[in-house]
Amino acid sequence: MQSRHTKLRIGIVGAGSIVRKRHLPALNQIEDVKIVGVCNSSYESSEEFCSEALPEAKPYANWAELVAEADVDIIWIGTPPYLHATVAVSALEAGKHVFCQARMAMNLTEAEEMCAALQRHPHLVTMLCPPPHGLRGSRLIQKMMADEYVGRPHHLRLHSFTGDYLDPDSPPHWRQRDEYSGLNVLTLGIYAEVLQRWFGRISSVVAHRKTITPLRQTYEVRIPDMVTVLCTFANGMEGVLEFSGIVPFPASDRFELYGSRGRLAYDFSKDVITGAQLGDSGPAVIPIPPELEQTWRVEADFIAAVRSPGGILPQPGFGEGLEYMKVVQAVADSIDQGREIEIA
């Protein structure tokens, strides 16, 4: 779709803290981009956001009205996952480019619906918000894997721990409410995305869950407080992935990879990569070369792709999102069925 205006005109559906703190400042730095409408959970919330951050934008009470506006080129989805598929599919059918906040969808079926809508409108540009986890060193990890730094990889361990849900008296966060989050649990989807980008497809999972505080202020929590996943990658590597929101004094998120010729580790909080090969005295920090270092330019990349459709493919797209939603769905199915789940 080509804009009839000099500027690309954006409608925001769901203007929460991530949109306000991360996306909005970056969009404001891009020339010939104008945010023309905002729809939050209520008209009052939309009006308040516009008055505080975007006085020239129009507040909306109904996201469908914003999506239907003929002079809007891009729909920017910042809601929790429960609206991602509905808004994204509607926007694509209305001829709009779509940027969608992660996680992609509530479940695999919704992710498939989003991909099917894009297939019907392949001229439109779509992008999912990537996680910042591992962004800085991503290209170096991919290069080291291509160079077979660890040899044949055979074992990966990852832990992602927080103490966010330690207080049993606190109300449920929206990420603990399945009516908003669906099957997404803790940082599972984030690291399924990152690990598959670096090490290839996860082909099977066995998962176990535990909920320490099943009732929060009369709300029955169905999203677990902790999940352990045993997984197999398509290249034969085995993985142990641990996620928890109930860890006092949690250590930094980290993965360790072991192979036939060495080991590799990534501290996600510090973006520090360490490694060692057989014959070395021990692991040492591996600096990220400036030419391989990545920085956050998500908004600029998406806008550049919209301005040159077919020439630039922003990542992650809906296809990559579908792959990590397969893992999220398989983990949920394994927990429900008590068995190993193969991922097609």
C-alpha atoms as a PDB file:
ATOM      1  CA  MET A   1       0.000   0.000   0.000  1.00  0.00           C
ATOM      2  CA  GLN A   2       1.351   3.391  -0.927  1.00  0.00           C
ATOM      3  CA  SER A   3       0.470   6.299   1.289  1.00  0.00           C
ATOM      4  CA  ARG A   4      -1.487   9.140  -0.282  1.00  0.00           C
ATOM      5  CA  HIS A   5       0.282  11.475   2.104  1.00  0.00           C
ATOM      6  CA  THR A   6       3.816  12.800   2.290  1.00  0.00           C
ATOM      7  CA  LYS A   7       4.041  11.275   5.737  1.00  0.00           C
ATOM      8  CA  LEU A   8       3.320   7.714   6.772  1.00  0.00           C
ATOM      9  CA  ARG A   9       0.330   7.873   9.074  1.00  0.00           C
ATOM     10  CA  ILE A  10       0.208   5.518  12.063  1.00  0.00           C
ATOM     11  CA  GLY A  11      -2.700   4.426  14.228  1.00  0.00           C
ATOM     12  CA  ILE A  12      -1.771   2.976  17.626  1.00  0.00           C
ATOM     13  CA  VAL A  13      -3.969   0.311  19.203  1.00  0.00           C
ATOM     14  CA  GLY A  14      -2.862  -0.121  22.796  1.00  0.00           C
ATOM     15  CA  ALA A  15      -0.586   2.655  24.048  1.00  0.00           C
ATOM     16  CA  GLY A  16       0.878   1.179  27.201  1.00  0.00           C
ATOM     17  CA  SER A  17       4.243   1.651  28.861  1.00  0.00           C
ATOM     18  CA  ILE A  18       6.279  -0.070  26.131  1.00  0.00           C
ATOM     19  CA  VAL A  19       4.739   2.119  23.444  1.00  0.00           C
ATOM     20  CA  ARG A  20       5.196   5.234  25.542  1.00  0.00           C
ATOM     21  CA  LYS A  21       8.751   4.540  26.704  1.00  0.00           C
ATOM     22  CA  ARG A  22      10.279   2.687  23.765  1.00  0.00           C
ATOM     23  CA  HIS A  23       8.374   2.965  20.495  1.00  0.00           C
ATOM     24  CA  LEU A  24       7.044   6.513  20.668  1.00  0.00           C
ATOM     25  CA  PRO A  25      10.411   8.242  21.255  1.00  0.00           C
ATOM     26  CA  ALA A  26      11.970   6.288  18.376  1.00  0.00           C
ATOM     27  CA  LEU A  27       9.067   6.980  15.994  1.00  0.00           C
ATOM     28  CA  ASN A  28       9.274  10.681  16.815  1.00  0.00           C
ATOM     29  CA  GLN A  29      12.862  10.673  15.540  1.00  0.00           C
ATOM     30  CA  ILE A  30      11.911   9.365  12.090  1.00  0.00           C
ATOM     31  CA  GLU A  31      11.158  11.916   9.392  1.00  0.00           C
ATOM     32  CA  ASP A  32       7.827  11.901   7.578  1.00  0.00           C
ATOM     33  CA  VAL A  33       6.050   9.744  10.147  1.00  0.00           C
ATOM     34  CA  LYS A  34       2.925  10.982  11.896  1.00  0.00           C
ATOM     35  CA  ILE A  35       0.860   9.265  14.580  1.00  0.00           C
ATOM     36  CA  VAL A  36      -2.699  10.290  13.783  1.00  0.00           C
ATOM     37  CA  GLY A  37      -4.820   8.144  16.127  1.00  0.00           C
ATOM     38  CA  VAL A  38      -4.679   6.272  19.412  1.00  0.00           C
ATOM     39  CA  CYS A  39      -7.079   3.704  20.846  1.00  0.00           C
ATOM     40  CA  ASN A  40      -6.590   2.462  24.378  1.00  0.00           C
ATOM     41  CA  SER A  41      -8.814   0.340  26.607  1.00  0.00           C
ATOM     42  CA  SER A  42     -11.243   3.254  26.997  1.00  0.00           C
ATOM     43  CA  TYR A  43     -11.904   6.561  25.307  1.00  0.00           C
ATOM     44  CA  GLU A  44     -10.806   8.358  28.471  1.00  0.00           C
ATOM     45  CA  SER A  45      -7.503   6.507  28.447  1.00  0.00           C
ATOM     46  CA  SER A  46      -7.020   7.260  24.752  1.00  0.00           C
ATOM     47  CA  GLU A  47      -7.788  10.935  25.325  1.00  0.00           C
ATOM     48  CA  GLU A  48      -5.408  11.119  28.282  1.00  0.00           C
ATOM     49  CA  PHE A  49      -2.567   9.548  26.296  1.00  0.00           C
ATOM     50  CA  CYS A  50      -3.083  11.949  23.405  1.00  0.00           C
ATOM     51  CA  SER A  51      -3.237  15.001  25.650  1.00  0.00           C
ATOM     52  CA  GLU A  52      -0.017  13.987  27.418  1.00  0.00           C
ATOM     53  CA  ALA A  53       2.070  12.582  24.572  1.00  0.00           C
ATOM     54  CA  LEU A  54       0.422  13.212  21.183  1.00  0.00           C
ATOM     55  CA  PRO A  55      -1.734  16.357  21.249  1.00  0.00           C
ATOM     56  CA  GLU A  56      -2.215  16.272  17.464  1.00  0.00           C
ATOM     57  CA  ALA A  57      -3.494  12.677  17.434  1.00  0.00           C
ATOM     58  CA  LYS A  58      -7.168  11.761  17.601  1.00  0.00           C
ATOM     59  CA  PRO A  59      -8.362   9.552  20.480  1.00  0.00           C
ATOM     60  CA  TYR A  60     -10.617   6.609  19.638  1.00  0.00           C
ATOM     61  CA  ALA A  61     -12.987   4.573  21.768  1.00  0.00           C
ATOM     62  CA  ASN A  62     -13.101   1.617  19.354  1.00  0.00           C
ATOM     63  CA  TRP A  63     -10.035   0.127  17.688  1.00  0.00           C
ATOM     64  CA  ALA A  64     -12.092  -1.055  14.696  1.00  0.00           C
ATOM     65  CA  GLU A  65     -12.885   2.559  13.829  1.00  0.00           C
ATOM     66  CA  LEU A  66      -9.191   3.421  13.829  1.00  0.00           C
ATOM     67  CA  VAL A  67      -8.330   0.401  11.675  1.00  0.00           C
ATOM     68  CA  ALA A  68     -11.043   1.387   9.198  1.00  0.00           C
ATOM     69  CA  GLU A  69      -9.730   4.926   8.694  1.00  0.00           C
ATOM     70  CA  ALA A  70      -8.839   5.304   5.025  1.00  0.00           C
ATOM     71  CA  ASP A  71      -5.930   7.661   5.616  1.00  0.00           C
ATOM     72  CA  VAL A  72      -4.099   5.394   8.094  1.00  0.00           C
ATOM     73  CA  ASP A  73      -1.184   3.479   6.563  1.00  0.00           C
ATOM     74  CA  ILE A  74       0.122   1.514   9.564  1.00  0.00           C
ATOM     75  CA  ILE A  75      -1.525  -0.088  12.569  1.00  0.00           C
ATOM     76  CA  TRP A  76       0.843  -0.277  15.533  1.00  0.00           C
ATOM     77  CA  ILE A  77      -0.414  -2.897  18.013  1.00  0.00           C
ATOM     78  CA  GLY A  78       0.720  -2.422  21.598  1.00  0.00           C
ATOM     79  CA  THR A  79      -1.956  -4.375  23.463  1.00  0.00           C
ATOM     80  CA  PRO A  80      -1.408  -7.596  25.429  1.00  0.00           C
ATOM     81  CA  PRO A  81      -1.638 -10.741  23.268  1.00  0.00           C
ATOM     82  CA  TYR A  82      -5.418 -11.189  23.613  1.00  0.00           C
ATOM     83  CA  LEU A  83      -6.065  -8.644  20.834  1.00  0.00           C
ATOM     84  CA  HIS A  84      -3.056  -9.261  18.592  1.00  0.00           C
ATOM     85  CA  ALA A  85      -4.632 -11.685  16.147  1.00  0.00           C
ATOM     86  CA  THR A  86      -7.996  -9.918  15.905  1.00  0.00           C
ATOM     87  CA  VAL A  87      -6.490  -6.475  15.312  1.00  0.00           C
ATOM     88  CA  ALA A  88      -3.693  -7.699  13.030  1.00  0.00           C
ATOM     89  CA  VAL A  89      -6.005  -9.700  10.771  1.00  0.00           C
ATOM     90  CA  SER A  90      -8.499  -6.817  10.606  1.00  0.00           C
ATOM     91  CA  ALA A  91      -5.734  -4.354   9.771  1.00  0.00           C
ATOM     92  CA  LEU A  92      -4.317  -6.547   7.014  1.00  0.00           C
ATOM     93  CA  GLU A  93      -7.776  -7.033   5.513  1.00  0.00           C
ATOM     94  CA  ALA A  94      -8.156  -3.235   5.597  1.00  0.00           C
ATOM     95  CA  GLY A  95      -4.911  -2.828   3.640  1.00  0.00           C
ATOM     96  CA  LYS A  96      -2.708  -1.612   6.498  1.00  0.00           C
ATOM     97  CA  HIS A  97       0.859  -2.517   7.312  1.00  0.00           C
ATOM     98  CA  VAL A  98       1.132  -4.030  10.799  1.00  0.00           C
ATOM     99  CA  PHE A  99       3.652  -3.768  13.605  1.00  0.00           C
ATOM    100  CA  CYS A 100       2.726  -6.010  16.530  1.00  0.00           C
ATOM    101  CA  GLN A 101       4.100  -6.073  20.038  1.00  0.00           C
ATOM    102  CA  ALA A 102       5.400  -9.452  21.212  1.00  0.00           C
ATOM    103  CA  ARG A 103       4.304 -12.119  22.100  1.00  0.00           C
ATOM    104  CA  MET A 104       2.712 -12.832  18.717  1.00  0.00           C
ATOM    105  CA  ALA A 105      -0.605 -14.335  19.806  1.00  0.00           C
ATOM    106  CA  MET A 106      -2.524 -16.190  22.507  1.00  0.00           C
ATOM    107  CA  ASN A 107      -1.861 -19.594  20.960  1.00  0.00           C
ATOM    108  CA  LEU A 108      -0.719 -21.342  17.797  1.00  0.00           C
ATOM    109  CA  THR A 109      -4.127 -21.194  16.115  1.00  0.00           C
ATOM    110  CA  GLU A 110      -4.189 -17.402  16.345  1.00  0.00           C
ATOM    111  CA  ALA A 111      -0.618 -17.188  15.028  1.00  0.00           C
ATOM    112  CA  GLU A 112      -1.636 -19.329  12.066  1.00  0.00           C
ATOM    113  CA  GLU A 113      -4.582 -17.006  11.400  1.00  0.00           C
ATOM    114  CA  MET A 114      -2.228 -14.022  11.337  1.00  0.00           C
ATOM    115  CA  CYS A 115       0.091 -15.770   8.881  1.00  0.00           C
ATOM    116  CA  ALA A 116      -2.850 -16.771   6.670  1.00  0.00           C
ATOM    117  CA  ALA A 117      -4.041 -13.145   6.545  1.00  0.00           C
ATOM    118  CA  LEU A 118      -0.564 -12.030   5.486  1.00  0.00           C
ATOM    119  CA  GLN A 119      -0.519 -14.655   2.737  1.00  0.00           C
ATOM    120  CA  ARG A 120      -3.710 -13.087   1.390  1.00  0.00           C
ATOM    121  CA  HIS A 121      -2.006  -9.681   1.371  1.00  0.00           C
ATOM    122  CA  PRO A 122       1.679 -10.364   0.653  1.00  0.00           C
ATOM    123  CA  HIS A 123       2.305  -6.795  -0.510  1.00  0.00           C
ATOM    124  CA  LEU A 124       1.830  -5.542   3.050  1.00  0.00           C
ATOM    125  CA  VAL A 125       4.685  -5.333   5.565  1.00  0.00           C
ATOM    126  CA  THR A 126       4.406  -6.995   8.966  1.00  0.00           C
ATOM    127  CA  MET A 127       6.792  -7.170  11.877  1.00  0.00           C
ATOM    128  CA  LEU A 128       6.747  -8.444  15.446  1.00  0.00           C
ATOM    129  CA  CYS A 129       8.611  -6.573  18.135  1.00  0.00           C
ATOM    130  CA  PRO A 130      11.836  -8.489  18.822  1.00  0.00           C
ATOM    131  CA  PRO A 131      13.076  -9.007  22.363  1.00  0.00           C
ATOM    132  CA  PRO A 132      16.117  -6.985  23.417  1.00  0.00           C
ATOM    133  CA  HIS A 133      17.526 -10.161  24.984  1.00  0.00           C
ATOM    134  CA  GLY A 134      20.765 -11.024  23.205  1.00  0.00           C
ATOM    135  CA  LEU A 135      20.281  -8.338  20.563  1.00  0.00           C
ATOM    136  CA  ARG A 136      23.722  -6.789  21.002  1.00  0.00           C
ATOM    137  CA  GLY A 137      25.634 -10.026  20.505  1.00  0.00           C
ATOM    138  CA  SER A 138      23.256 -11.869  18.186  1.00  0.00           C
ATOM    139  CA  ARG A 139      25.349 -11.595  15.027  1.00  0.00           C
ATOM    140  CA  LEU A 140      28.481 -12.743  16.833  1.00  0.00           C
ATOM    141  CA  ILE A 141      26.724 -15.822  18.236  1.00  0.00           C
ATOM    142  CA  GLN A 142      25.424 -16.667  14.765  1.00  0.00           C
ATOM    143  CA  LYS A 143      28.907 -16.241  13.281  1.00  0.00           C
ATOM    144  CA  MET A 144      30.503 -18.406  15.950  1.00  0.00           C
ATOM    145  CA  MET A 145      27.963 -21.137  15.316  1.00  0.00           C
ATOM    146  CA  ALA A 146      28.603 -20.917  11.564  1.00  0.00           C
ATOM    147  CA  ASP A 147      32.353 -21.158  12.293  1.00  0.00           C
ATOM    148  CA  GLU A 148      31.704 -24.225  14.506  1.00  0.00           C
ATOM    149  CA  TYR A 149      33.365 -22.612  17.512  1.00  0.00           C
ATOM    150  CA  VAL A 150      32.077 -25.309  19.892  1.00  0.00           C
ATOM    151  CA  GLY A 151      32.311 -28.064  17.294  1.00  0.00           C
ATOM    152  CA  ARG A 152      29.226 -30.258  17.229  1.00  0.00           C
ATOM    153  CA  PRO A 153      26.803 -28.771  19.792  1.00  0.00           C
ATOM    154  CA  HIS A 154      25.257 -31.375  22.055  1.00  0.00           C
ATOM    155  CA  HIS A 155      23.945 -29.707  25.247  1.00  0.00           C
ATOM    156  CA  LEU A 156      22.400 -26.333  26.057  1.00  0.00           C
ATOM    157  CA  ARG A 157      21.245 -25.009  29.420  1.00  0.00           C
ATOM    158  CA  LEU A 158      19.273 -21.793  29.892  1.00  0.00           C
ATOM    159  CA  HIS A 159      17.765 -20.217  32.963  1.00  0.00           C
ATOM    160  CA  SER A 160      15.541 -17.147  33.167  1.00  0.00           C
ATOM    161  CA  PHE A 161      14.664 -16.262  36.746  1.00  0.00           C
ATOM    162  CA  THR A 162      12.921 -13.314  38.403  1.00  0.00           C
ATOM    163  CA  GLY A 163      11.316 -12.654  41.753  1.00  0.00           C
ATOM    164  CA  ASP A 164       8.358 -10.793  40.243  1.00  0.00           C
ATOM    165  CA  TYR A 165       5.749 -13.215  41.639  1.00  0.00           C
ATOM    166  CA  LEU A 166       7.275 -13.953  45.038  1.00  0.00           C
ATOM    167  CA  ASP A 167       4.718 -11.963  47.040  1.00  0.00           C
ATOM    168  CA  PRO A 168       1.672 -14.234  47.480  1.00  0.00           C
ATOM    169  CA  ASP A 169      -0.477 -11.268  48.486  1.00  0.00           C
ATOM    170  CA  SER A 170       0.128  -9.236  45.351  1.00  0.00           C
ATOM    171  CA  PRO A 171      -2.628  -9.083  42.721  1.00  0.00           C
ATOM    172  CA  PRO A 172      -2.159 -11.066  39.530  1.00  0.00           C
ATOM    173  CA  HIS A 173      -0.125  -9.266  36.890  1.00  0.00           C
ATOM    174  CA  TRP A 174      -1.775  -9.239  33.465  1.00  0.00           C
ATOM    175  CA  ARG A 175       0.958 -11.613  32.293  1.00  0.00           C
ATOM    176  CA  GLN A 176      -0.392 -14.121  34.847  1.00  0.00           C
ATOM    177  CA  ARG A 177      -3.924 -13.865  33.470  1.00  0.00           C
ATOM    178  CA  ASP A 178      -4.551 -16.285  30.626  1.00  0.00           C
ATOM    179  CA  GLU A 179      -7.481 -14.239  29.330  1.00  0.00           C
ATOM    180  CA  TYR A 180      -4.868 -11.613  28.386  1.00  0.00           C
ATOM    181  CA  SER A 181      -1.740 -13.720  27.799  1.00  0.00           C
ATOM    182  CA  GLY A 182      -3.119 -17.002  26.516  1.00  0.00           C
ATOM    183  CA  LEU A 183      -0.518 -19.766  26.622  1.00  0.00           C
ATOM    184  CA  ASN A 184       2.430 -17.391  26.982  1.00  0.00           C
ATOM    185  CA  VAL A 185       4.284 -18.094  30.211  1.00  0.00           C
ATOM    186  CA  LEU A 186       7.142 -16.088  31.730  1.00  0.00           C
ATOM    187  CA  THR A 187       9.951 -15.605  29.153  1.00  0.00           C
ATOM    188  CA  LEU A 188       9.435 -18.922  27.354  1.00  0.00           C
ATOM    189  CA  GLY A 189       8.394 -17.325  24.066  1.00  0.00           C
ATOM    190  CA  ILE A 190      11.219 -14.791  24.182  1.00  0.00           C
ATOM    191  CA  TYR A 191      13.906 -17.411  24.541  1.00  0.00           C
ATOM    192  CA  ALA A 192      12.245 -19.821  22.110  1.00  0.00           C
ATOM    193  CA  GLU A 193      12.582 -17.007  19.583  1.00  0.00           C
ATOM    194  CA  VAL A 194      16.204 -16.207  20.458  1.00  0.00           C
ATOM    195  CA  LEU A 195      17.429 -19.801  20.702  1.00  0.00           C
ATOM    196  CA  GLN A 196      15.829 -20.863  17.422  1.00  0.00           C
ATOM    197  CA  ARG A 197      17.399 -17.865  15.686  1.00  0.00           C
ATOM    198  CA  TRP A 198      20.821 -18.944  16.904  1.00  0.00           C
ATOM    199  CA  PHE A 199      20.668 -22.721  17.038  1.00  0.00           C
ATOM    200  CA  GLY A 200      17.875 -23.784  14.716  1.00  0.00           C
ATOM    201  CA  ARG A 201      14.440 -25.268  15.174  1.00  0.00           C
ATOM    202  CA  ILE A 202      13.266 -26.936  18.382  1.00  0.00           C
ATOM    203  CA  SER A 203      11.763 -30.247  17.280  1.00  0.00           C
ATOM    204  CA  SER A 204      10.296 -31.678  20.510  1.00  0.00           C
ATOM    205  CA  VAL A 205       9.605 -30.739  24.116  1.00  0.00           C
ATOM    206  CA  VAL A 206       8.745 -32.312  27.448  1.00  0.00           C
ATOM    207  CA  ALA A 207       7.574 -29.786  30.023  1.00  0.00           C
ATOM    208  CA  HIS A 208       6.700 -29.641  33.725  1.00  0.00           C
ATOM    209  CA  ARG A 209       5.010 -26.774  35.544  1.00  0.00           C
ATOM    210  CA  LYS A 210       4.387 -25.623  39.088  1.00  0.00           C
ATOM    211  CA  THR A 211       2.212 -22.866  40.516  1.00  0.00           C
ATOM    212  CA  ILE A 212       3.223 -21.751  43.995  1.00  0.00           C
ATOM    213  CA  THR A 213       0.397 -19.247  44.491  1.00  0.00           C
ATOM    214  CA  PRO A 214      -2.648 -20.595  42.634  1.00  0.00           C
ATOM    215  CA  LEU A 215      -5.022 -18.009  44.098  1.00  0.00           C
ATOM    216  CA  ARG A 216      -4.266 -14.284  44.033  1.00  0.00           C
ATOM    217  CA  GLN A 217      -6.900 -12.041  45.594  1.00  0.00           C
ATOM    218  CA  THR A 218      -9.681 -14.493  44.619  1.00  0.00           C
ATOM    219  CA  TYR A 219      -8.306 -14.870  41.056  1.00  0.00           C
ATOM    220  CA  GLU A 220      -7.403 -18.431  40.055  1.00  0.00           C
ATOM    221  CA  VAL A 221      -3.991 -18.291  38.376  1.00  0.00           C
ATOM    222  CA  ARG A 222      -3.677 -20.799  35.546  1.00  0.00           C
ATOM    223  CA  ILE A 223      -0.347 -19.560  34.152  1.00  0.00           C
ATOM    224  CA  PRO A 224       2.422 -21.357  36.083  1.00  0.00           C
ATOM    225  CA  ASP A 225       4.949 -19.662  38.346  1.00  0.00           C
ATOM    226  CA  MET A 226       7.693 -21.921  37.043  1.00  0.00           C
ATOM    227  CA  VAL A 227       8.247 -24.176  34.028  1.00  0.00           C
ATOM    228  CA  THR A 228      11.044 -26.586  33.151  1.00  0.00           C
ATOM    229  CA  VAL A 229      11.392 -27.667  29.525  1.00  0.00           C
ATOM    230  CA  LEU A 230      13.501 -30.507  28.163  1.00  0.00           C
ATOM    231  CA  CYS A 231      13.835 -29.960  24.444  1.00  0.00           C
ATOM    232  CA  THR A 232      15.523 -31.417  21.396  1.00  0.00           C
ATOM    233  CA  PHE A 233      16.721 -29.269  18.510  1.00  0.00           C
ATOM    234  CA  ALA A 234      16.525 -30.373  14.896  1.00  0.00           C
ATOM    235  CA  ASN A 235      20.346 -30.600  14.823  1.00  0.00           C
ATOM    236  CA  GLY A 236      20.239 -33.201  17.608  1.00  0.00           C
ATOM    237  CA  MET A 237      21.262 -30.882  20.439  1.00  0.00           C
ATOM    238  CA  GLU A 238      19.498 -31.362  23.771  1.00  0.00           C
ATOM    239  CA  GLY A 239      18.356 -28.429  25.876  1.00  0.00           C
ATOM    240  CA  VAL A 240      17.279 -27.806  29.477  1.00  0.00           C
ATOM    241  CA  LEU A 241      15.312 -24.551  29.800  1.00  0.00           C
ATOM    242  CA  GLU A 242      14.262 -23.269  33.225  1.00  0.00           C
ATOM    243  CA  PHE A 243      11.845 -20.375  33.775  1.00  0.00           C
ATOM    244  CA  SER A 244      10.678 -19.026  37.114  1.00  0.00           C
ATOM    245  CA  GLY A 245       9.059 -15.912  38.545  1.00  0.00           C
ATOM    246  CA  ILE A 246       9.507 -16.944  42.183  1.00  0.00           C
ATOM    247  CA  VAL A 247      13.281 -16.831  42.717  1.00  0.00           C
ATOM    248  CA  PRO A 248      14.694 -14.731  45.578  1.00  0.00           C
ATOM    249  CA  PHE A 249      17.864 -12.876  44.546  1.00  0.00           C
ATOM    250  CA  PRO A 250      17.763 -14.264  40.992  1.00  0.00           C
ATOM    251  CA  ALA A 251      20.915 -14.656  38.927  1.00  0.00           C
ATOM    252  CA  SER A 252      21.135 -13.042  35.501  1.00  0.00           C
ATOM    253  CA  ASP A 253      19.443 -14.762  32.580  1.00  0.00           C
ATOM    254  CA  ARG A 254      22.078 -16.932  30.945  1.00  0.00           C
ATOM    255  CA  PHE A 255      22.649 -19.792  28.558  1.00  0.00           C
ATOM    256  CA  GLU A 256      25.552 -22.211  28.390  1.00  0.00           C
ATOM    257  CA  LEU A 257      26.276 -24.274  25.289  1.00  0.00           C
ATOM    258  CA  TYR A 258      28.557 -27.313  25.254  1.00  0.00           C
ATOM    259  CA  GLY A 259      29.957 -29.007  22.182  1.00  0.00           C
ATOM    260  CA  SER A 260      32.622 -31.409  21.003  1.00  0.00           C
ATOM    261  CA  ARG A 261      35.303 -28.686  20.815  1.00  0.00           C
ATOM    262  CA  GLY A 262      34.340 -26.150  23.457  1.00  0.00           C
ATOM    263  CA  ARG A 263      31.762 -24.166  25.347  1.00  0.00           C
ATOM    264  CA  LEU A 264      29.973 -20.842  24.909  1.00  0.00           C
ATOM    265  CA  ALA A 265      27.926 -18.732  27.328  1.00  0.00           C
ATOM    266  CA  TYR A 266      25.880 -15.540  27.168  1.00  0.00           C
ATOM    267  CA  ASP A 267      24.929 -13.325  30.103  1.00  0.00           C
ATOM    268  CA  PHE A 268      21.788 -11.612  28.827  1.00  0.00           C
ATOM    269  CA  SER A 269      21.677  -8.881  31.458  1.00  0.00           C
ATOM    270  CA  LYS A 270      25.204  -7.674  30.654  1.00  0.00           C
ATOM    271  CA  ASP A 271      25.490  -8.809  27.017  1.00  0.00           C
ATOM    272  CA  VAL A 272      28.733 -10.550  27.938  1.00  0.00           C
ATOM    273  CA  ILE A 273      29.810 -13.548  25.860  1.00  0.00           C
ATOM    274  CA  THR A 274      32.364 -16.007  27.222  1.00  0.00           C
ATOM    275  CA  GLY A 275      33.820 -19.080  25.632  1.00  0.00           C
ATOM    276  CA  ALA A 276      36.652 -21.582  25.548  1.00  0.00           C
ATOM    277  CA  GLN A 277      37.884 -24.280  23.199  1.00  0.00           C
ATOM    278  CA  LEU A 278      39.779 -27.463  24.013  1.00  0.00           C
ATOM    279  CA  GLY A 279      43.348 -26.515  24.823  1.00  0.00           C
ATOM    280  CA  ASP A 280      42.448 -23.134  26.338  1.00  0.00           C
ATOM    281  CA  SER A 281      43.133 -22.537  30.014  1.00  0.00           C
ATOM    282  CA  GLY A 282      39.486 -21.713  30.649  1.00  0.00           C
ATOM    283  CA  PRO A 283      36.574 -19.524  29.561  1.00  0.00           C
ATOM    284  CA  ALA A 284      37.342 -15.913  28.708  1.00  0.00           C
ATOM    285  CA  VAL A 285      35.305 -12.921  27.584  1.00  0.00           C
ATOM    286  CA  ILE A 286      34.855 -12.735  23.820  1.00  0.00           C
ATOM    287  CA  PRO A 287      34.463  -9.085  22.781  1.00  0.00           C
ATOM    288  CA  ILE A 288      31.675  -8.218  20.352  1.00  0.00           C
ATOM    289  CA  PRO A 289      33.310  -6.603  17.292  1.00  0.00           C
ATOM    290  CA  PRO A 290      31.788  -3.190  16.507  1.00  0.00           C
ATOM    291  CA  GLU A 291      30.887  -4.315  12.989  1.00  0.00           C
ATOM    292  CA  LEU A 292      28.791  -7.169  14.401  1.00  0.00           C
ATOM    293  CA  GLU A 293      27.193  -5.274  17.266  1.00  0.00           C
ATOM    294  CA  GLN A 294      23.455  -4.646  16.970  1.00  0.00           C
ATOM    295  CA  THR A 295      21.546  -1.806  18.554  1.00  0.00           C
ATOM    296  CA  TRP A 296      17.830  -1.134  18.941  1.00  0.00           C
ATOM    297  CA  ARG A 297      16.507   0.284  15.676  1.00  0.00           C
ATOM    298  CA  VAL A 298      13.296  -1.692  15.454  1.00  0.00           C
ATOM    299  CA  GLU A 299      11.059   1.248  14.567  1.00  0.00           C
ATOM    300  CA  ALA A 300      13.439   2.580  11.914  1.00  0.00           C
ATOM    301  CA  ASP A 301      13.787  -0.871  10.346  1.00  0.00           C
ATOM    302  CA  PHE A 302      10.035  -1.332  10.141  1.00  0.00           C
ATOM    303  CA  ILE A 303       9.408   2.107   8.633  1.00  0.00           C
ATOM    304  CA  ALA A 304      12.216   1.532   6.108  1.00  0.00           C
ATOM    305  CA  ALA A 305      10.560  -1.742   5.076  1.00  0.00           C
ATOM    306  CA  VAL A 306       7.183  -0.052   4.634  1.00  0.00           C
ATOM    307  CA  ARG A 307       8.816   2.534   2.387  1.00  0.00           C
ATOM    308  CA  SER A 308      10.432  -0.139   0.229  1.00  0.00           C
ATOM    309  CA  PRO A 309       8.028  -3.117   0.255  1.00  0.00           C
ATOM    310  CA  GLY A 310       9.683  -6.230  -1.119  1.00  0.00           C
ATOM    311  CA  GLY A 311      13.134  -4.697  -0.741  1.00  0.00           C
ATOM    312  CA  ILE A 312      13.561  -5.046   3.015  1.00  0.00           C
ATOM    313  CA  LEU A 313      12.199  -7.864   5.153  1.00  0.00           C
ATOM    314  CA  PRO A 314      12.057  -6.711   8.786  1.00  0.00           C
ATOM    315  CA  GLN A 315      12.759  -9.393  11.358  1.00  0.00           C
ATOM    316  CA  PRO A 316      11.122 -11.029  13.141  1.00  0.00           C
ATOM    317  CA  GLY A 317       8.235 -11.390  10.750  1.00  0.00           C
ATOM    318  CA  PHE A 318       5.058 -13.347  11.237  1.00  0.00           C
ATOM    319  CA  GLY A 319       6.810 -16.495   9.976  1.00  0.00           C
ATOM    320  CA  GLU A 320       9.412 -16.385  12.724  1.00  0.00           C
ATOM    321  CA  GLY A 321       6.694 -15.635  15.244  1.00  0.00           C
ATOM    322  CA  LEU A 322       4.808 -18.722  14.098  1.00  0.00           C
ATOM    323  CA  GLU A 323       7.888 -20.839  14.847  1.00  0.00           C
ATOM    324  CA  TYR A 324       8.200 -19.677  18.444  1.00  0.00           C
ATOM    325  CA  MET A 325       4.444 -19.981  18.967  1.00  0.00           C
ATOM    326  CA  LYS A 326       4.784 -23.641  17.944  1.00  0.00           C
ATOM    327  CA  VAL A 327       7.127 -24.087  20.908  1.00  0.00           C
ATOM    328  CA  VAL A 328       4.815 -22.199  23.291  1.00  0.00           C
ATOM    329  CA  GLN A 329       1.881 -24.364  22.163  1.00  0.00           C
ATOM    330  CA  ALA A 330       3.907 -27.572  22.434  1.00  0.00           C
ATOM    331  CA  VAL A 331       4.984 -26.735  25.994  1.00  0.00           C
ATOM    332  CA  ALA A 332       1.350 -26.140  26.985  1.00  0.00           C
ATOM    333  CA  ASP A 333       0.286 -29.385  25.281  1.00  0.00           C
ATOM    334  CA  SER A 334       3.071 -31.340  27.001  1.00  0.00           C
ATOM    335  CA  ILE A 335       2.000 -30.016  30.398  1.00  0.00           C
ATOM    336  CA  ASP A 336      -1.650 -30.846  29.722  1.00  0.00           C
ATOM    337  CA  GLN A 337      -1.000 -34.300  28.274  1.00  0.00           C
ATOM    338  CA  GLY A 338       1.989 -35.326  30.377  1.00  0.00           C
ATOM    339  CA  ARG A 339       4.080 -36.495  27.451  1.00  0.00           C
ATOM    340  CA  GLU A 340       6.659 -35.489  24.878  1.00  0.00           C
ATOM    341  CA  ILE A 341       5.295 -33.357  22.035  1.00  0.00           C
ATOM    342  CA  GLU A 342       6.817 -33.416  18.565  1.00  0.00           C
ATOM    343  CA  ILE A 343       6.834 -30.051  16.772  1.00  0.00           C
ATOM    344  CA  ALA A 344       6.166 -30.134  13.047  1.00  0.00           C
END
